[in-house]
């Protein structure tokens, strides 16, 4: 009895442990991420440093590239916007303060470019997103060759801006263009798309619509496929047809995605540059003979690289950046209100 009580009172040592048990189990297993025992102090410190610093080393290339090609140019542009700098004499800089920004606010060309950017953005964004929702709704049903149709939707996005704009320039040509031929066929006088105000803006917007509708349609399609099928079944039991299901089930569930595409499309419209530049040909940087479709991107390019006033061009760039910040703030407010309403 005494020996059995002593055995219960004193646990077995590691040498007397049962067969198959790991040595040192009584002391507790080592946690993950801790240096192995028996190592020298400097190796233990090296091990701990490796565990803490490795994630930062892996993501460091992104921050290096971002700083070299985004952050430093952004700060340098801000410095240029406060100086009188000419492209022909970069070494000669004169402090101008906020004069470049004051000149923008008093310039009719700046307000004209801002107005054109807004109108082209509305003309291109609203039909684009409406068509994208419709196409996504059709692709959401079980169609034959659905994968092929999805690839077709993405083809315009993969097409280069230069190639797409060249084709549309030929379509909208004053002499021999297919668009004017169709208008003449139905009894409407041909339109000089490059010289008219609304005609040129509609032509540029059609290029944007063609390139980005399929891309947004795939985004909406992914969001539609994430909607629970129970909602559609409940709506069908209540007697709702497909159109009513689309209005009362699909669209409300797509509100966050719609808001996201609206913001992204608005940012893209603010930075619109390639399509109007190539569409205008020789007068592309001017946005037409009367600046009728000159966007903020074209105005910045014209001031910086054609006229050579880098200070004013930098001020335009920062004005565009401030506009994007305002758009982001509006997006944040709308998103918070949608979350509260839900």
Foldseek 3Di string as FASTA:
>chain_A
DVVVVVPVVDDDAQVPDDPPDDHPVVVPDDDPQADDPPDDPVVRVVSNCCVPCVVVVVCVVVVVCCCVPPVVVLVVLVVLLQWFAFQVCRVDTHGRGCVLVVVLVVDPLNVLQAVLLVVLLVLQQVVLLVLLLVVLVVLLDDDPPSVVVLVVLQVLQPDDLLVLLVLLLQLLPQPNHVVQVVCVVVPHHRDNQQADQVSVSNSLSVSSSSNCSSVLSVLLNVQQVPFDCVLVVVCVVVPDDPVRCCVPPSVLSCVVVVLVSSLVSSLCSLQDDSNQQSSNPPCSLCSGPVSSNNHLNSPLCCVCPVVRRSNSSSSSVVVSVVVSVVSVVVSVVVVVVSVVVD
